[in-house]
Amino acid sequence: MKKIISVVGALGISLLIISCGGGGGSPGTDSGNGTGASTGTETYTFDLTNRVAKAYPEKCTNSMVAFEMKFLKDGLQFVRGTDSTDEGPNGSCIAKETKPSEVGVMNTYAEAKDSGFLIPCGGPVCTFAQLNGTYKGVDADKRVWTQVVSHLKNSNQIKSTKTWTEGQTQKVSSIRLEFVENDYWIDLTAQTGAVYALKCLPPKIAFKLRFTAVGLGFTEGTDSVTVNNDGTCTQNPTREDEKGVIAPYAAVKSDGFIIPCGNAICTGYELNLTYKGTDGDGRVWAQKVSHVKGSKEIFSTKTWIDSNGITKEAASKLVLD
């Protein structure tokens, strides 16, 4: 996430320029940053775990997504965009591109809470009181901030308005966070699938995978096949040192291997992008991924230059069971 100042353990998020209206409930008050007091007898919980949400700034005259985030068990991370936008002279906004240093970075709920960033719950499960409260704190730049959060029971929207002072100017940042429906993203946890090598005639299952909450592993085959003289392919057996091994999603992403999402939750945005990186052997690669909403097929084409300067290409299709 955006670091306003380099302080270890401090999130330092300011949501610069972004602004949208609050409302949607009767916020309580809190003398410090932490609990929020509910009004009435309303009680419920809102579990954010493995959900995806888009943030809309009301100040912007155009309807645009400032950023998109994943909410996981241990923290939250940007899928696209950052915690600020560029605002034009007519009030329209353009979302900033996610910094490479922030791609796949997990930020804790405690950090978000201490910075007054969107979710004040301190964990993935929020209560009515936490989502309808007023919070106060001091950010990494020693700026005193106040945050008002509101949510209606059964709503997929959480509203957050944060104010702080810079010099003699009061700043206001207000966000509508909207959780998307299940079919906008895929949860790979506990799923299995077969990967076809599309260069083979006909396409051949190169390997099968199982997906866990933390990574993936081979159940059959390897990440390569033997190409025969007639263009057909033979599946290679799983190596002994790869049996039962779970490769973390972050390592898979950094190598451009099939799934570029960095964790078990893949958004439609992530599944329709081109990625670039350098693998463990120092080879520069590019990977184009595509997926059609509602489909169980994910296509991946990866190119790289080998040690002889020859461009190689691997085209594959993951079919989820």
Protein backbone atom coordinates (compact mmCIF):
# COMPACT_ATOMS: atom_id res chain seq x y z
CA MET A 1 0.00 0.00 0.00
CA LYS A 2 1.03 3.58 -0.44
CA LYS A 3 3.64 4.65 2.08
CA ILE A 4 3.37 8.33 2.96
CA ILE A 5 6.46 8.05 5.10
CA SER A 6 8.93 5.24 5.56
CA VAL A 7 8.02 3.90 8.96
CA VAL A 8 8.25 0.19 9.74
CA GLY A 9 4.85 -1.25 10.48
CA ALA A 10 2.97 1.93 9.55
CA LEU A 11 0.56 1.84 6.64
CA GLY A 12 0.35 5.62 6.27
CA ILE A 13 -2.64 5.64 3.90
CA SER A 14 -4.25 8.98 3.14
CA LEU A 15 -6.71 8.34 0.28
CA LEU A 16 -5.67 11.63 -1.30
CA ILE A 17 -8.15 13.46 -3.55
CA ILE A 18 -10.79 10.72 -3.27
CA SER A 19 -14.10 11.87 -1.80
CA CYS A 20 -17.61 10.47 -1.58
CA GLY A 21 -20.61 10.97 0.69
CA GLY A 22 -21.10 9.10 3.96
CA GLY A 23 -24.43 7.99 5.37
CA GLY A 24 -26.18 4.64 5.38
CA GLY A 25 -26.60 4.33 9.14
CA SER A 26 -26.39 6.09 12.46
CA PRO A 27 -22.72 6.21 13.40
CA GLY A 28 -21.76 5.99 17.02
CA THR A 29 -18.77 7.69 18.58
CA ASP A 30 -15.42 6.49 19.81
CA SER A 31 -12.99 8.44 21.91
CA GLY A 32 -10.09 6.56 20.33
CA ASN A 33 -9.31 4.37 17.35
CA GLY A 34 -10.77 0.98 18.00
CA THR A 35 -14.33 0.10 18.82
CA GLY A 36 -17.07 2.42 17.63
CA ALA A 37 -20.30 2.46 19.62
CA SER A 38 -23.54 1.19 18.13
CA THR A 39 -26.92 2.80 18.56
CA GLY A 40 -29.99 0.76 19.31
CA THR A 41 -29.89 -3.02 19.68
CA GLU A 42 -28.85 -3.96 16.12
CA THR A 43 -26.24 -6.73 15.97
CA TYR A 44 -24.69 -8.69 13.09
CA THR A 45 -21.32 -9.61 11.64
CA PHE A 46 -19.90 -9.03 8.15
CA ASP A 47 -17.21 -11.55 7.10
CA LEU A 48 -14.80 -10.03 4.57
CA THR A 49 -12.75 -13.21 4.12
CA ASN A 50 -12.05 -14.09 0.47
CA ARG A 51 -14.15 -11.26 -0.89
CA VAL A 52 -13.36 -8.66 -3.54
CA ALA A 53 -14.49 -5.03 -3.49
CA LYS A 54 -14.23 -1.95 -5.68
CA ALA A 55 -13.80 1.56 -4.30
CA TYR A 56 -15.75 4.47 -5.80
CA PRO A 57 -14.88 8.11 -4.97
CA GLU A 58 -17.92 10.40 -4.97
CA LYS A 59 -15.90 13.56 -5.50
CA CYS A 60 -15.07 12.39 -9.00
CA THR A 61 -17.70 13.47 -11.53
CA ASN A 62 -17.13 10.34 -13.60
CA SER A 63 -18.18 6.95 -12.29
CA MET A 64 -14.85 5.22 -11.95
CA VAL A 65 -13.16 2.56 -9.83
CA ALA A 66 -10.39 4.18 -7.83
CA PHE A 67 -9.06 0.80 -6.82
CA GLU A 68 -10.01 -2.84 -6.37
CA MET A 69 -9.03 -4.91 -3.34
CA LYS A 70 -9.03 -8.46 -2.06
CA PHE A 71 -9.88 -9.17 1.55
CA LEU A 72 -8.22 -12.35 2.76
CA LYS A 73 -7.93 -14.09 6.10
CA ASP A 74 -4.73 -12.35 7.15
CA GLY A 75 -5.03 -8.99 5.43
CA LEU A 76 -5.95 -7.00 2.34
CA GLN A 77 -4.17 -6.15 -0.89
CA PHE A 78 -4.61 -4.00 -3.98
CA VAL A 79 -5.65 -5.77 -7.18
CA ARG A 80 -5.47 -2.59 -9.21
CA GLY A 81 -5.19 1.12 -8.59
CA THR A 82 -3.86 2.82 -5.47
CA ASP A 83 -5.24 4.76 -2.55
CA SER A 84 -5.34 7.99 -4.57
CA THR A 85 -6.46 9.20 -8.00
CA ASP A 86 -5.55 12.00 -10.40
CA GLU A 87 -8.31 14.61 -10.56
CA GLY A 88 -8.79 16.68 -13.71
CA PRO A 89 -9.93 20.32 -13.92
CA ASN A 90 -13.53 19.26 -14.68
CA GLY A 91 -13.72 17.03 -11.62
CA SER A 92 -13.28 13.76 -13.52
CA CYS A 93 -10.68 11.33 -12.18
CA ILE A 94 -8.22 8.79 -13.50
CA ALA A 95 -7.18 5.83 -11.36
CA LYS A 96 -3.46 5.53 -10.80
CA GLU A 97 -1.67 2.36 -11.80
CA THR A 98 -0.65 -0.01 -9.03
CA LYS A 99 3.03 0.33 -8.24
CA PRO A 100 5.10 -2.80 -8.93
CA SER A 101 6.31 -2.63 -5.32
CA GLU A 102 2.70 -2.90 -4.13
CA VAL A 103 1.54 -5.73 -6.40
CA GLY A 104 0.70 -8.77 -4.28
CA VAL A 105 1.72 -7.07 -1.02
CA MET A 106 -0.37 -8.18 1.94
CA ASN A 107 -1.30 -5.44 4.42
CA THR A 108 -2.71 -6.38 7.80
CA TYR A 109 -6.12 -5.32 9.06
CA ALA A 110 -4.39 -3.75 12.06
CA GLU A 111 -2.40 -1.48 9.73
CA ALA A 112 -5.56 -0.45 7.88
CA LYS A 113 -7.34 0.29 11.16
CA ASP A 114 -4.45 2.33 12.56
CA SER A 115 -4.35 4.42 9.38
CA GLY A 116 -8.10 5.02 9.12
CA PHE A 117 -8.13 3.18 5.81
CA LEU A 118 -11.58 1.87 4.83
CA ILE A 119 -11.96 -1.01 7.28
CA PRO A 120 -11.69 -0.25 11.00
CA CYS A 121 -12.37 -3.79 12.24
CA GLY A 122 -8.80 -4.92 12.90
CA GLY A 123 -9.59 -8.31 11.35
CA PRO A 124 -11.60 -9.97 8.56
CA VAL A 125 -14.84 -10.15 10.55
CA CYS A 126 -16.63 -6.86 11.26
CA THR A 127 -19.45 -6.21 13.73
CA PHE A 128 -22.33 -3.76 13.44
CA ALA A 129 -20.68 -1.51 16.02
CA GLN A 130 -17.40 -1.45 14.11
CA LEU A 131 -19.09 -0.64 10.80
CA ASN A 132 -21.18 2.17 12.29
CA GLY A 133 -18.73 4.19 14.32
CA THR A 134 -16.40 7.18 14.45
CA TYR A 135 -12.67 6.64 14.86
CA LYS A 136 -9.71 8.90 15.58
CA GLY A 137 -5.99 8.37 15.18
CA VAL A 138 -2.61 9.74 14.13
CA ASP A 139 -1.01 8.60 10.87
CA ALA A 140 2.65 8.03 10.05
CA ASP A 141 3.05 11.70 9.11
CA LYS A 142 1.73 12.74 12.56
CA ARG A 143 -1.51 14.00 11.06
CA VAL A 144 -4.55 13.65 13.29
CA TRP A 145 -7.45 12.05 11.43
CA THR A 146 -11.11 11.24 12.03
CA GLN A 147 -12.98 8.48 10.20
CA VAL A 148 -16.75 7.91 10.06
CA VAL A 149 -17.82 4.46 8.83
CA SER A 150 -21.37 3.33 8.01
CA HIS A 151 -23.04 0.17 6.75
CA LEU A 152 -26.63 -1.07 6.38
CA LYS A 153 -27.41 -4.64 7.39
CA ASN A 154 -27.34 -7.03 4.38
CA SER A 155 -25.85 -4.30 2.16
CA ASN A 156 -22.76 -5.02 0.05
CA GLN A 157 -21.52 -1.44 0.52
CA ILE A 158 -19.43 0.11 3.27
CA LYS A 159 -18.94 3.89 3.35
CA SER A 160 -15.95 5.60 4.89
CA THR A 161 -15.31 9.35 5.25
CA LYS A 162 -11.94 10.44 6.59
CA THR A 163 -10.89 14.00 7.43
CA TRP A 164 -7.49 15.39 8.39
CA THR A 165 -5.63 18.72 8.30
CA GLU A 166 -2.56 19.56 6.24
CA GLY A 167 -1.17 22.92 7.23
CA GLN A 168 -4.25 25.15 7.44
CA THR A 169 -6.29 23.10 4.97
CA GLN A 170 -8.79 20.45 5.96
CA LYS A 171 -8.82 17.42 3.67
CA VAL A 172 -11.79 15.11 3.13
CA SER A 173 -11.65 11.65 1.61
CA SER A 174 -14.88 9.71 1.25
CA ILE A 175 -15.18 6.26 -0.34
CA ARG A 176 -17.97 3.85 -1.20
CA LEU A 177 -16.59 0.34 -1.01
CA GLU A 178 -18.76 -2.08 -2.98
CA PHE A 179 -18.29 -5.85 -2.72
CA VAL A 180 -18.72 -7.61 -6.06
CA GLU A 181 -20.80 -10.73 -6.60
CA ASN A 182 -19.23 -14.20 -6.58
CA ASP A 183 -19.19 -14.64 -10.36
CA TYR A 184 -16.79 -11.70 -10.77
CA TRP A 185 -14.00 -13.71 -9.22
CA ILE A 186 -12.85 -17.29 -8.73
CA ASP A 187 -11.87 -18.92 -5.45
CA LEU A 188 -9.42 -21.71 -6.31
CA THR A 189 -9.27 -23.09 -2.77
CA ALA A 190 -9.82 -26.89 -2.75
CA GLN A 191 -10.34 -27.01 -6.53
CA THR A 192 -8.57 -29.29 -8.99
CA GLY A 193 -7.91 -28.92 -12.70
CA ALA A 194 -6.08 -30.21 -15.77
CA VAL A 195 -3.62 -28.14 -17.81
CA TYR A 196 -3.48 -28.82 -21.55
CA ALA A 197 -0.40 -28.09 -23.67
CA LEU A 198 -2.00 -26.36 -26.66
CA LYS A 199 1.05 -26.75 -28.93
CA CYS A 200 0.55 -30.52 -28.96
CA LEU A 201 -1.44 -32.17 -31.77
CA PRO A 202 -4.00 -32.78 -30.42
CA PRO A 203 -3.72 -30.75 -27.18
CA LYS A 204 -2.43 -33.01 -24.42
CA ILE A 205 -2.89 -32.91 -20.65
CA ALA A 206 0.58 -31.91 -19.50
CA PHE A 207 -0.28 -32.04 -15.81
CA LYS A 208 -3.04 -31.87 -13.23
CA LEU A 209 -3.10 -29.55 -10.24
CA ARG A 210 -4.77 -29.23 -6.90
CA PHE A 211 -5.28 -25.80 -5.40
CA THR A 212 -5.18 -25.02 -1.69
CA ALA A 213 -5.65 -21.82 0.29
CA VAL A 214 -1.91 -21.12 0.16
CA GLY A 215 -0.66 -22.61 -3.11
CA LEU A 216 -0.85 -25.34 -5.73
CA GLY A 217 0.77 -28.70 -6.40
CA PHE A 218 1.03 -31.39 -9.08
CA THR A 219 -1.18 -34.45 -8.81
CA GLU A 220 -0.11 -35.80 -12.21
CA GLY A 221 2.51 -34.91 -14.83
CA THR A 222 4.96 -31.99 -14.80
CA ASP A 223 5.15 -28.49 -16.22
CA SER A 224 6.47 -29.84 -19.53
CA VAL A 225 5.75 -32.58 -22.05
CA THR A 226 7.91 -34.47 -24.53
CA VAL A 227 7.14 -33.48 -28.12
CA ASN A 228 7.23 -36.37 -30.60
CA ASN A 229 8.29 -36.17 -34.26
CA ASP A 230 4.68 -36.25 -35.47
CA GLY A 231 3.66 -33.29 -33.30
CA THR A 232 1.96 -35.39 -30.65
CA CYS A 233 3.12 -35.15 -27.05
CA THR A 234 3.81 -37.54 -24.21
CA GLN A 235 3.11 -36.57 -20.62
CA ASN A 236 6.15 -36.80 -18.36
CA PRO A 237 5.69 -38.48 -14.95
CA THR A 238 5.65 -36.34 -11.83
CA ARG A 239 9.14 -36.04 -10.38
CA GLU A 240 9.68 -37.56 -6.96
CA ASP A 241 10.84 -34.24 -5.51
CA GLU A 242 7.60 -32.56 -6.68
CA LYS A 243 5.12 -35.09 -5.29
CA GLY A 244 3.04 -33.55 -2.51
CA VAL A 245 4.86 -30.21 -2.73
CA ILE A 246 2.68 -27.08 -2.56
CA ALA A 247 4.14 -24.08 -4.38
CA PRO A 248 3.04 -20.73 -2.85
CA TYR A 249 0.90 -18.56 -5.12
CA ALA A 250 3.40 -15.70 -4.81
CA ALA A 251 6.19 -17.93 -6.20
CA VAL A 252 3.92 -19.14 -9.01
CA LYS A 253 3.07 -15.56 -9.91
CA SER A 254 6.72 -14.44 -9.94
CA ASP A 255 7.57 -17.26 -12.38
CA GLY A 256 4.62 -16.61 -14.71
CA PHE A 257 3.26 -20.11 -14.10
CA ILE A 258 -0.42 -20.55 -15.09
CA ILE A 259 -2.06 -18.52 -12.27
CA PRO A 260 -0.94 -14.89 -11.86
CA CYS A 261 -3.21 -13.95 -8.95
CA GLY A 262 -0.75 -14.19 -6.06
CA ASN A 263 -3.25 -16.07 -3.88
CA ALA A 264 -6.27 -18.37 -4.18
CA ILE A 265 -8.63 -15.54 -5.13
CA CYS A 266 -8.49 -14.54 -8.80
CA THR A 267 -10.45 -11.54 -10.04
CA GLY A 268 -11.70 -11.07 -13.59
CA TYR A 269 -9.30 -8.16 -13.88
CA GLU A 270 -6.29 -10.31 -12.96
CA LEU A 271 -7.38 -13.09 -15.32
CA ASN A 272 -7.34 -10.79 -18.35
CA LEU A 273 -3.94 -9.11 -18.24
CA THR A 274 -0.39 -9.36 -19.55
CA TYR A 275 2.35 -9.88 -16.98
CA LYS A 276 6.14 -9.57 -17.12
CA GLY A 277 8.90 -10.78 -14.84
CA THR A 278 12.19 -12.61 -14.41
CA ASP A 279 12.24 -16.24 -13.31
CA GLY A 280 14.63 -18.05 -10.99
CA ASP A 281 17.03 -18.74 -13.88
CA GLY A 282 17.24 -15.06 -14.79
CA ARG A 283 15.11 -15.41 -17.92
CA VAL A 284 12.84 -12.47 -18.73
CA TRP A 285 9.31 -13.63 -19.50
CA ALA A 286 5.93 -12.23 -20.53
CA GLN A 287 2.62 -13.95 -19.82
CA LYS A 288 -0.79 -13.17 -21.30
CA VAL A 289 -3.77 -14.56 -19.38
CA SER A 290 -7.41 -14.60 -20.47
CA HIS A 291 -10.68 -15.85 -19.01
CA VAL A 292 -14.36 -15.47 -19.89
CA LYS A 293 -16.70 -14.76 -17.01
CA GLY A 294 -18.51 -17.93 -15.96
CA SER A 295 -16.06 -20.22 -17.79
CA LYS A 296 -13.96 -22.93 -16.14
CA GLU A 297 -11.16 -22.40 -18.66
CA ILE A 298 -8.18 -20.10 -18.08
CA PHE A 299 -5.77 -19.56 -20.99
CA SER A 300 -2.11 -18.65 -20.54
CA THR A 301 0.56 -17.90 -23.15
CA LYS A 302 4.08 -17.39 -21.84
CA THR A 303 7.10 -16.31 -23.89
CA TRP A 304 10.74 -16.11 -22.83
CA ILE A 305 14.24 -15.99 -24.31
CA ASP A 306 16.46 -18.99 -23.60
CA SER A 307 20.21 -18.98 -23.00
CA ASN A 308 20.83 -19.17 -26.77
CA GLY A 309 18.80 -16.05 -27.46
CA ILE A 310 15.92 -18.02 -28.97
CA THR A 311 12.36 -16.95 -28.13
CA LYS A 312 10.30 -19.77 -26.68
CA GLU A 313 6.54 -19.96 -26.22
CA ALA A 314 4.29 -22.14 -24.07
CA ALA A 315 0.53 -21.95 -24.61
CA SER A 316 -1.71 -23.74 -22.15
CA LYS A 317 -5.30 -24.06 -20.99
CA LEU A 318 -6.33 -24.76 -17.40
CA VAL A 319 -9.69 -26.53 -17.18
CA LEU A 320 -11.11 -26.55 -13.65
CA ASP A 321 -13.02 -29.68 -12.65
